[in-house]
C-alpha atoms as a PDB file:
ATOM      1  CA  MET A   1      19.561  21.365   1.009  1.00  0.00           C
ATOM      2  CA  ASN A   2      20.486  17.979  -0.545  1.00  0.00           C
ATOM      3  CA  TRP A   3      21.825  18.094  -4.095  1.00  0.00           C
ATOM      4  CA  LEU A   4      19.018  15.807  -5.293  1.00  0.00           C
ATOM      5  CA  GLN A   5      16.399  18.105  -3.765  1.00  0.00           C
ATOM      6  CA  ARG A   6      17.890  21.147  -5.520  1.00  0.00           C
ATOM      7  CA  THR A   7      18.115  19.541  -8.942  1.00  0.00           C
ATOM      8  CA  LYS A   8      15.063  17.284  -8.876  1.00  0.00           C
ATOM      9  CA  PRO A   9      12.467  18.275  -6.213  1.00  0.00           C
ATOM     10  CA  TRP A  10       9.915  15.798  -7.531  1.00  0.00           C
ATOM     11  CA  LEU A  11      10.484  12.191  -8.591  1.00  0.00           C
ATOM     12  CA  THR A  12       8.472   9.797 -10.702  1.00  0.00           C
ATOM     13  CA  LEU A  13       7.796   6.419  -9.122  1.00  0.00           C
ATOM     14  CA  ILE A  14      10.384   4.832 -11.385  1.00  0.00           C
ATOM     15  CA  ASP A  15      13.002   7.416 -10.357  1.00  0.00           C
ATOM     16  CA  ALA A  16      12.187   6.878  -6.643  1.00  0.00           C
ATOM     17  CA  ALA A  17      12.325   3.104  -6.996  1.00  0.00           C
ATOM     18  CA  THR A  18      15.666   3.286  -8.778  1.00  0.00           C
ATOM     19  CA  TYR A  19      17.081   5.592  -6.098  1.00  0.00           C
ATOM     20  CA  LEU A  20      16.049   3.192  -3.281  1.00  0.00           C
ATOM     21  CA  ALA A  21      17.365   0.190  -5.201  1.00  0.00           C
ATOM     22  CA  ASP A  22      20.734   1.867  -5.740  1.00  0.00           C
ATOM     23  CA  LYS A  23      20.952   2.844  -2.045  1.00  0.00           C
ATOM     24  CA  THR A  24      19.947  -0.514  -0.609  1.00  0.00           C
ATOM     25  CA  GLY A  25      20.823  -3.292  -3.037  1.00  0.00           C
ATOM     26  CA  VAL A  26      17.179  -4.349  -2.873  1.00  0.00           C
ATOM     27  CA  ARG A  27      14.951  -4.651  -5.892  1.00  0.00           C
ATOM     28  CA  VAL A  28      12.217  -2.004  -5.643  1.00  0.00           C
ATOM     29  CA  ASP A  29       9.415  -1.305  -8.093  1.00  0.00           C
ATOM     30  CA  GLU A  30       6.477   1.074  -8.347  1.00  0.00           C
ATOM     31  CA  ALA A  31       4.040  -1.288  -6.669  1.00  0.00           C
ATOM     32  CA  ASP A  32       6.334  -1.487  -3.597  1.00  0.00           C
ATOM     33  CA  LEU A  33       6.218   2.337  -3.275  1.00  0.00           C
ATOM     34  CA  LEU A  34       2.426   2.446  -3.688  1.00  0.00           C
ATOM     35  CA  LEU A  35       2.038  -0.188  -0.965  1.00  0.00           C
ATOM     36  CA  LEU A  36       4.279   1.820   1.391  1.00  0.00           C
ATOM     37  CA  ALA A  37       2.127   4.868   0.693  1.00  0.00           C
ATOM     38  CA  THR A  38      -1.137   3.092   1.532  1.00  0.00           C
ATOM     39  CA  GLU A  39       0.446   1.944   4.819  1.00  0.00           C
ATOM     40  CA  GLY A  40       1.317   5.544   5.710  1.00  0.00           C
ATOM     41  CA  LYS A  41       5.090   4.913   5.578  1.00  0.00           C
ATOM     42  CA  LEU A  42       5.860   7.067   2.543  1.00  0.00           C
ATOM     43  CA  ARG A  43       4.291  10.386   1.586  1.00  0.00           C
ATOM     44  CA  ILE A  44       3.034  10.371  -2.014  1.00  0.00           C
ATOM     45  CA  SER A  45       1.374  13.032  -4.173  1.00  0.00           C
ATOM     46  CA  ALA A  46      -0.795  13.146  -7.239  1.00  0.00           C
ATOM     47  CA  ARG A  47      -0.019  15.449 -10.115  1.00  0.00           C
ATOM     48  CA  PHE A  48      -3.162  16.519 -11.958  1.00  0.00           C
ATOM     49  CA  THR A  49      -2.249  17.723 -15.456  1.00  0.00           C
ATOM     50  CA  ALA A  50      -5.800  18.831 -16.227  1.00  0.00           C
ATOM     51  CA  PRO A  51      -8.648  20.052 -14.020  1.00  0.00           C
ATOM     52  CA  VAL A  52     -10.395  17.239 -12.118  1.00  0.00           C
ATOM     53  CA  SER A  53     -13.696  17.595 -10.367  1.00  0.00           C
ATOM     54  CA  ALA A  54     -13.305  17.840  -6.562  1.00  0.00           C
ATOM     55  CA  VAL A  55     -14.979  19.117  -3.446  1.00  0.00           C
ATOM     56  CA  VAL A  56     -13.372  21.080  -0.597  1.00  0.00           C
ATOM     57  CA  GLY A  57     -13.714  20.019   2.987  1.00  0.00           C
ATOM     58  CA  THR A  58     -12.845  21.611   6.315  1.00  0.00           C
ATOM     59  CA  ILE A  59     -11.406  19.535   9.158  1.00  0.00           C
ATOM     60  CA  ILE A  60     -13.690  20.357  12.077  1.00  0.00           C
ATOM     61  CA  GLU A  61     -12.650  18.329  15.088  1.00  0.00           C
ATOM     62  CA  PRO A  62     -11.738  14.757  16.114  1.00  0.00           C
ATOM     63  CA  PHE A  63     -14.571  12.374  16.718  1.00  0.00           C
ATOM     64  CA  SER A  64     -15.294  11.533  20.345  1.00  0.00           C
ATOM     65  CA  ASP A  65     -12.919   8.607  20.170  1.00  0.00           C
ATOM     66  CA  GLY A  66     -10.160  11.100  19.336  1.00  0.00           C
ATOM     67  CA  ILE A  67      -8.836   8.923  16.563  1.00  0.00           C
ATOM     68  CA  HIS A  68      -9.711  10.748  13.381  1.00  0.00           C
ATOM     69  CA  ASP A  69     -11.066  14.060  12.085  1.00  0.00           C
ATOM     70  CA  PHE A  70     -14.482  14.965  10.821  1.00  0.00           C
ATOM     71  CA  VAL A  71     -14.454  16.674   7.436  1.00  0.00           C
ATOM     72  CA  GLU A  72     -17.303  18.991   6.572  1.00  0.00           C
ATOM     73  CA  GLU A  73     -17.525  19.262   2.778  1.00  0.00           C
ATOM     74  CA  GLU A  74     -18.823  22.244   0.895  1.00  0.00           C
ATOM     75  CA  GLN A  75     -22.038  21.737  -0.992  1.00  0.00           C
ATOM     76  CA  HIS A  76     -20.775  22.604  -4.468  1.00  0.00           C
ATOM     77  CA  PRO A  77     -17.713  21.192  -6.224  1.00  0.00           C
ATOM     78  CA  LEU A  78     -14.786  23.415  -7.214  1.00  0.00           C
ATOM     79  CA  SER A  79     -14.958  25.005 -10.601  1.00  0.00           C
ATOM     80  CA  PRO A  80     -13.263  24.050 -12.895  1.00  0.00           C
ATOM     81  CA  GLY A  81     -11.670  21.534 -10.470  1.00  0.00           C
ATOM     82  CA  ILE A  82      -8.199  20.979  -9.016  1.00  0.00           C
ATOM     83  CA  GLU A  83      -4.999  21.070 -11.049  1.00  0.00           C
ATOM     84  CA  GLY A  84      -1.383  20.749  -9.906  1.00  0.00           C
ATOM     85  CA  THR A  85       0.233  18.565  -7.256  1.00  0.00           C
ATOM     86  CA  PHE A  86      -1.485  17.469  -4.063  1.00  0.00           C
ATOM     87  CA  GLU A  87      -0.268  15.173  -1.282  1.00  0.00           C
ATOM     88  CA  LEU A  88      -2.445  12.108  -0.585  1.00  0.00           C
ATOM     89  CA  ARG A  89      -4.136  12.379   2.790  1.00  0.00           C
ATOM     90  CA  ILE A  90      -3.329   9.401   5.008  1.00  0.00           C
ATOM     91  CA  ILE A  91      -4.871   9.041   8.490  1.00  0.00           C
ATOM     92  CA  ASP A  92      -2.488   6.876  10.544  1.00  0.00           C
ATOM     93  CA  GLU A  93      -5.194   5.260  12.664  1.00  0.00           C
ATOM     94  CA  LEU A  94      -7.426   4.374   9.693  1.00  0.00           C
ATOM     95  CA  ILE A  95      -6.902   2.354   6.580  1.00  0.00           C
ATOM     96  CA  THR A  96      -8.525   4.696   4.093  1.00  0.00           C
ATOM     97  CA  THR A  97      -6.697   3.454   0.984  1.00  0.00           C
ATOM     98  CA  ARG A  98      -5.555   0.127  -0.359  1.00  0.00           C
ATOM     99  CA  LEU A  99      -3.969  -1.459  -3.413  1.00  0.00           C
ATOM    100  CA  ASN A 100      -6.653  -2.933  -5.618  1.00  0.00           C
ATOM    101  CA  SER A 101      -6.289  -6.009  -7.865  1.00  0.00           C
ATOM    102  CA  LYS A 102      -4.852  -3.801 -10.614  1.00  0.00           C
ATOM    103  CA  GLY A 103      -2.136  -2.485  -8.374  1.00  0.00           C
ATOM    104  CA  GLU A 104      -3.677   0.995  -8.143  1.00  0.00           C
ATOM    105  CA  ILE A 105      -4.094   3.071  -4.988  1.00  0.00           C
ATOM    106  CA  GLU A 106      -7.826   2.959  -4.313  1.00  0.00           C
ATOM    107  CA  SER A 107      -9.979   4.828  -1.752  1.00  0.00           C
ATOM    108  CA  ARG A 108     -11.962   2.754   0.663  1.00  0.00           C
ATOM    109  CA  VAL A 109     -14.477   5.600   1.091  1.00  0.00           C
ATOM    110  CA  LEU A 110     -16.025   8.108  -1.358  1.00  0.00           C
ATOM    111  CA  GLY A 111     -12.926   9.167  -3.224  1.00  0.00           C
ATOM    112  CA  LEU A 112      -9.249   9.920  -2.770  1.00  0.00           C
ATOM    113  CA  GLU A 113      -8.540  12.811  -0.385  1.00  0.00           C
ATOM    114  CA  PHE A 114      -5.621  15.220  -0.622  1.00  0.00           C
ATOM    115  CA  ASN A 115      -4.033  17.816   1.661  1.00  0.00           C
ATOM    116  CA  THR A 116      -3.859  21.445   0.721  1.00  0.00           C
ATOM    117  CA  SER A 117      -1.607  24.338   1.722  1.00  0.00           C
ATOM    118  CA  ASP A 118      -4.133  25.059   4.502  1.00  0.00           C
ATOM    119  CA  PRO A 119      -3.744  22.280   7.165  1.00  0.00           C
ATOM    120  CA  LYS A 120      -7.447  22.590   8.003  1.00  0.00           C
ATOM    121  CA  ARG A 121      -8.615  22.179   4.407  1.00  0.00           C
ATOM    122  CA  VAL A 122      -8.669  19.061   2.222  1.00  0.00           C
ATOM    123  CA  VAL A 123      -9.942  18.253  -1.254  1.00  0.00           C
ATOM    124  CA  ARG A 124     -11.611  15.038  -2.415  1.00  0.00           C
ATOM    125  CA  ILE A 125     -11.936  13.876  -5.968  1.00  0.00           C
ATOM    126  CA  ASN A 126     -15.001  11.933  -6.971  1.00  0.00           C
ATOM    127  CA  THR A 127     -13.230   8.819  -8.134  1.00  0.00           C
ATOM    128  CA  LEU A 128     -11.769   5.936  -6.130  1.00  0.00           C
ATOM    129  CA  VAL A 129      -8.566   5.830  -8.180  1.00  0.00           C
ATOM    130  CA  LEU A 130      -6.616   8.509 -10.032  1.00  0.00           C
ATOM    131  CA  PRO A 131      -8.100   9.615 -13.357  1.00  0.00           C
ATOM    132  CA  PRO A 132      -6.123   9.067 -16.590  1.00  0.00           C
ATOM    133  CA  THR A 133      -4.989  12.683 -16.589  1.00  0.00           C
ATOM    134  CA  ALA A 134      -3.153  12.310 -13.256  1.00  0.00           C
ATOM    135  CA  HIS A 135      -0.144  10.316 -12.035  1.00  0.00           C
ATOM    136  CA  TRP A 136       1.672   9.659  -8.772  1.00  0.00           C
ATOM    137  CA  VAL A 137       4.897  11.458  -7.872  1.00  0.00           C
ATOM    138  CA  ILE A 138       7.068  11.519  -4.758  1.00  0.00           C
ATOM    139  CA  GLU A 139       8.598  14.684  -3.324  1.00  0.00           C
ATOM    140  CA  THR A 140      12.341  14.193  -3.026  1.00  0.00           C
ATOM    141  CA  SER A 141      12.294  15.501   0.554  1.00  0.00           C
ATOM    142  CA  ALA A 142       9.696  12.823   1.432  1.00  0.00           C
ATOM    143  CA  LEU A 143      11.862  10.083  -0.017  1.00  0.00           C
ATOM    144  CA  LEU A 144      14.939  11.285   1.848  1.00  0.00           C
ATOM    145  CA  ALA A 145      12.919  11.569   5.061  1.00  0.00           C
ATOM    146  CA  PHE A 146      11.827   7.954   4.557  1.00  0.00           C
ATOM    147  CA  THR A 147      15.431   6.747   4.108  1.00  0.00           C
ATOM    148  CA  ARG A 148      16.530   8.681   7.243  1.00  0.00           C
ATOM    149  CA  GLU A 149      13.644   7.471   9.364  1.00  0.00           C
ATOM    150  CA  HIS A 150      14.350   3.841   8.598  1.00  0.00           C
ATOM    151  CA  GLY A 151      18.106   4.052   8.536  1.00  0.00           C
ATOM    152  CA  ILE A 152      18.266   2.690   5.034  1.00  0.00           C
ATOM    153  CA  CYS A 153      21.844   2.144   3.929  1.00  0.00           C
ATOM    154  CA  ASN A 154      21.861  -1.509   2.838  1.00  0.00           C
ATOM    155  CA  ALA A 155      19.562  -4.389   2.058  1.00  0.00           C
ATOM    156  CA  ASP A 156      19.439  -5.574   5.671  1.00  0.00           C
ATOM    157  CA  ASN A 157      17.349  -2.552   6.660  1.00  0.00           C
ATOM    158  CA  LEU A 158      14.431  -3.096   4.318  1.00  0.00           C
ATOM    159  CA  PRO A 159      12.753  -6.473   4.748  1.00  0.00           C
ATOM    160  CA  GLU A 160      11.174  -5.656   8.107  1.00  0.00           C
ATOM    161  CA  ILE A 161      10.436  -2.059   7.154  1.00  0.00           C
ATOM    162  CA  ALA A 162       9.182  -2.237   3.603  1.00  0.00           C
ATOM    163  CA  GLY A 163       8.620  -5.893   3.030  1.00  0.00           C
ATOM    164  CA  LEU A 164      10.836  -5.943  -0.027  1.00  0.00           C
ATOM    165  CA  PRO A 165      12.755  -8.997  -1.276  1.00  0.00           C
ATOM    166  CA  SER A 166      16.562  -9.044  -1.272  1.00  0.00           C
ATOM    167  CA  LYS A 167      18.346  -9.501  -4.546  1.00  0.00           C
ATOM    168  CA  THR A 168      19.586 -12.932  -5.402  1.00  0.00           C
ATOM    169  CA  ASP A 169      22.970 -13.508  -7.021  1.00  0.00           C
ATOM    170  CA  GLU A 170      21.176 -13.968 -10.350  1.00  0.00           C
ATOM    171  CA  GLU A 171      19.422 -10.628  -9.997  1.00  0.00           C
ATOM    172  CA  ILE A 172      22.676  -8.843  -9.203  1.00  0.00           C
ATOM    173  CA  SER A 173      24.559 -10.487 -12.085  1.00  0.00           C
ATOM    174  CA  PRO A 174      21.976 -11.908 -14.501  1.00  0.00           C
ATOM    175  CA  VAL A 175      23.154 -14.379 -17.157  1.00  0.00           C
ATOM    176  CA  SER A 176      23.075 -12.834 -20.651  1.00  0.00           C
ATOM    177  CA  GLY A 177      21.454  -9.742 -19.132  1.00  0.00           C
ATOM    178  CA  GLU A 178      18.118 -11.416 -18.572  1.00  0.00           C
ATOM    179  CA  ASN A 179      16.293 -12.938 -15.593  1.00  0.00           C
ATOM    180  CA  ASP A 180      14.566 -16.301 -16.006  1.00  0.00           C
ATOM    181  CA  GLU A 181      11.465 -15.149 -14.159  1.00  0.00           C
ATOM    182  CA  PRO A 182       9.670 -11.773 -14.217  1.00  0.00           C
ATOM    183  CA  TYR A 183       9.771  -9.863 -10.958  1.00  0.00           C
ATOM    184  CA  VAL A 184       6.621 -10.115  -8.883  1.00  0.00           C
ATOM    185  CA  PRO A 185       6.023  -7.600  -6.015  1.00  0.00           C
ATOM    186  CA  LYS A 186       6.319  -9.226  -2.614  1.00  0.00           C
ATOM    187  CA  TYR A 187       2.778  -8.355  -1.521  1.00  0.00           C
ATOM    188  CA  ILE A 188       1.400 -10.338  -4.469  1.00  0.00           C
ATOM    189  CA  CYS A 189       3.582 -13.320  -3.479  1.00  0.00           C
ATOM    190  CA  GLN A 190       2.245 -13.096   0.089  1.00  0.00           C
ATOM    191  CA  GLU A 191      -1.382 -13.044  -1.005  1.00  0.00           C
ATOM    192  CA  THR A 192      -0.840 -15.885  -3.460  1.00  0.00           C
ATOM    193  CA  ALA A 193       0.802 -18.004  -0.800  1.00  0.00           C
ATOM    194  CA  ILE A 194      -2.164 -17.515   1.553  1.00  0.00           C
ATOM    195  CA  LEU A 195      -4.713 -18.403  -1.135  1.00  0.00           C
ATOM    196  CA  ASP A 196      -2.671 -21.441  -2.207  1.00  0.00           C
ATOM    197  CA  ALA A 197      -2.522 -22.616   1.415  1.00  0.00           C
ATOM    198  CA  LEU A 198      -6.290 -22.292   1.740  1.00  0.00           C
ATOM    199  CA  HIS A 199      -6.847 -24.336  -1.383  1.00  0.00           C
ATOM    200  CA  ALA A 200      -4.334 -26.921  -0.216  1.00  0.00           C
ATOM    201  CA  LEU A 201      -6.370 -27.427   2.982  1.00  0.00           C
ATOM    202  CA  GLY A 202      -9.582 -27.862   1.004  1.00  0.00           C
ATOM    203  CA  TYR A 203     -11.055 -24.416   1.524  1.00  0.00           C
ATOM    204  CA  ILE A 204     -12.731 -22.061  -0.942  1.00  0.00           C
ATOM    205  CA  PRO A 205     -11.257 -18.652   0.038  1.00  0.00           C
ATOM    206  CA  GLU A 206     -14.446 -16.748  -0.893  1.00  0.00           C
ATOM    207  CA  ASN A 207     -16.631 -19.154   1.113  1.00  0.00           C
ATOM    208  CA  LEU A 208     -14.844 -19.928   4.367  1.00  0.00           C
ATOM    209  CA  PRO A 209     -16.813 -21.681   7.103  1.00  0.00           C
ATOM    210  CA  LYS A 210     -17.232 -20.148  10.522  1.00  0.00           C
ATOM    211  CA  ASN A 211     -14.664 -20.979  13.144  1.00  0.00           C
ATOM    212  CA  ILE A 212     -15.711 -23.550  15.731  1.00  0.00           C
ATOM    213  CA  PRO A 213     -15.344 -22.331  19.346  1.00  0.00           C
ATOM    214  CA  GLY A 214     -12.486 -24.091  21.126  1.00  0.00           C
ATOM    215  CA  ARG A 215     -10.715 -25.109  17.963  1.00  0.00           C
ATOM    216  CA  PRO A 216      -7.977 -23.337  16.009  1.00  0.00           C
ATOM    217  CA  GLY A 217      -9.376 -20.881  13.506  1.00  0.00           C
ATOM    218  CA  ILE A 218      -8.669 -21.073   9.779  1.00  0.00           C
ATOM    219  CA  LYS A 219      -6.403 -18.037   9.865  1.00  0.00           C
ATOM    220  CA  ARG A 220      -4.332 -19.642  12.614  1.00  0.00           C
ATOM    221  CA  CYS A 221      -4.029 -22.898  10.617  1.00  0.00           C
ATOM    222  CA  ILE A 222      -2.846 -20.991   7.574  1.00  0.00           C
ATOM    223  CA  TRP A 223      -0.300 -19.058   9.610  1.00  0.00           C
ATOM    224  CA  GLU A 224       1.065 -22.294  11.084  1.00  0.00           C
ATOM    225  CA  LYS A 225       1.389 -23.666   7.574  1.00  0.00           C
ATOM    226  CA  LEU A 226       3.221 -20.595   6.310  1.00  0.00           C
ATOM    227  CA  ALA A 227       5.203 -19.520   9.402  1.00  0.00           C
ATOM    228  CA  SER A 228       8.368 -21.150   8.041  1.00  0.00           C
ATOM    229  CA  ARG A 229       8.255 -18.916   4.987  1.00  0.00           C
ATOM    230  CA  ARG A 230      10.411 -16.228   6.555  1.00  0.00           C
ATOM    231  CA  ASP A 231      11.262 -14.957   3.085  1.00  0.00           C
ATOM    232  CA  LEU A 232       7.646 -13.807   2.816  1.00  0.00           C
ATOM    233  CA  PHE A 233       6.134 -13.414   6.284  1.00  0.00           C
ATOM    234  CA  SER A 234       6.491 -12.148   9.790  1.00  0.00           C
ATOM    235  CA  ASP A 235       3.495 -12.077  12.128  1.00  0.00           C
ATOM    236  CA  LYS A 236       2.821  -8.473  11.110  1.00  0.00           C
ATOM    237  CA  THR A 237       3.137  -8.943   7.333  1.00  0.00           C
ATOM    238  CA  PHE A 238       0.962 -12.098   7.420  1.00  0.00           C
ATOM    239  CA  ASN A 239      -1.802 -10.215   9.223  1.00  0.00           C
ATOM    240  CA  LYS A 240      -1.618  -7.321   6.748  1.00  0.00           C
ATOM    241  CA  ALA A 241      -1.756  -9.652   3.757  1.00  0.00           C
ATOM    242  CA  TRP A 242      -4.738 -11.510   5.274  1.00  0.00           C
ATOM    243  CA  GLU A 243      -6.560  -8.171   5.830  1.00  0.00           C
ATOM    244  CA  ARG A 244      -5.822  -7.033   2.261  1.00  0.00           C
ATOM    245  CA  LEU A 245      -7.385 -10.243   0.964  1.00  0.00           C
ATOM    246  CA  ARG A 246     -10.423  -9.727   3.187  1.00  0.00           C
ATOM    247  CA  SER A 247     -10.848  -6.096   2.141  1.00  0.00           C
ATOM    248  CA  ASP A 248     -10.694  -7.146  -1.532  1.00  0.00           C
ATOM    249  CA  LYS A 249     -13.333  -9.859  -0.790  1.00  0.00           C
ATOM    250  CA  ARG A 250     -10.882 -12.570  -1.940  1.00  0.00           C
ATOM    251  CA  ILE A 251     -11.315 -14.064   1.512  1.00  0.00           C
ATOM    252  CA  ALA A 252     -14.851 -14.069   2.914  1.00  0.00           C
ATOM    253  CA  ASP A 253     -16.765 -15.901   5.673  1.00  0.00           C
ATOM    254  CA  LYS A 254     -19.819 -17.764   4.476  1.00  0.00           C
ATOM    255  CA  GLY A 255     -21.562 -21.069   4.982  1.00  0.00           C
ATOM    256  CA  SER A 256     -21.839 -23.212   8.107  1.00  0.00           C
ATOM    257  CA  ALA A 257     -19.121 -24.293  10.514  1.00  0.00           C
ATOM    258  CA  ILE A 258     -17.100 -27.393   9.673  1.00  0.00           C
ATOM    259  CA  THR A 259     -14.164 -29.096  11.270  1.00  0.00           C
ATOM    260  CA  THR A 260     -10.798 -27.444  10.614  1.00  0.00           C
ATOM    261  CA  PRO A 261      -8.741 -29.697   8.328  1.00  0.00           C
ATOM    262  CA  LYS A 262      -5.584 -31.182   9.746  1.00  0.00           C
END
């Protein structure tokens, strides 16, 4: 067993971010870890320090498409609720969680679901985000498994995997111990760049016109405008950022079709 696992089996998000930053030379913060968790790349757990209302469900069988499981919930909630540490349930084929505008992990369905010691049983709390009496933690073994899976040993490994920005010279050796600008998580920079590009082309992001058949769509035009920003985007990360904006309703299709601006 690794020394870190023996001495500290659970890590706070700050501890985990510090560990990754030290190992990689890449600036990592709590929001980066939460984003990795919602994408199913990093296992994360919630520690409930007081009982929280929850219902128990049993995983019955995959739906006919074979992609995800059907959970049959019990009629009555647990009494007095759940307490302790539970791993967030992530279904690879489905996007069941997201980061909301406050940077919190939020359920896209009825409430956050968690695994239990029984692989056929799950628990669901009745809130979309963690209650004030709970906080996120990362099991040390999960963090080490993440580093092994992605071969993390220096900064070159992370941009494609985790979408994290590399340190600049100023970040490594800041003048007078301070940075001129506060650090902003990369996913926020990606979303801001897309929204700014839409405004620059004369669009209202929450009221996008319908695409005209035979002409480039709005999303394609924005990608062409931002494709040179390799510090922020690859094809994959652009698509993910666009879908996050759509799911948060910061990009929406409304109104009648108009010509795509040039």
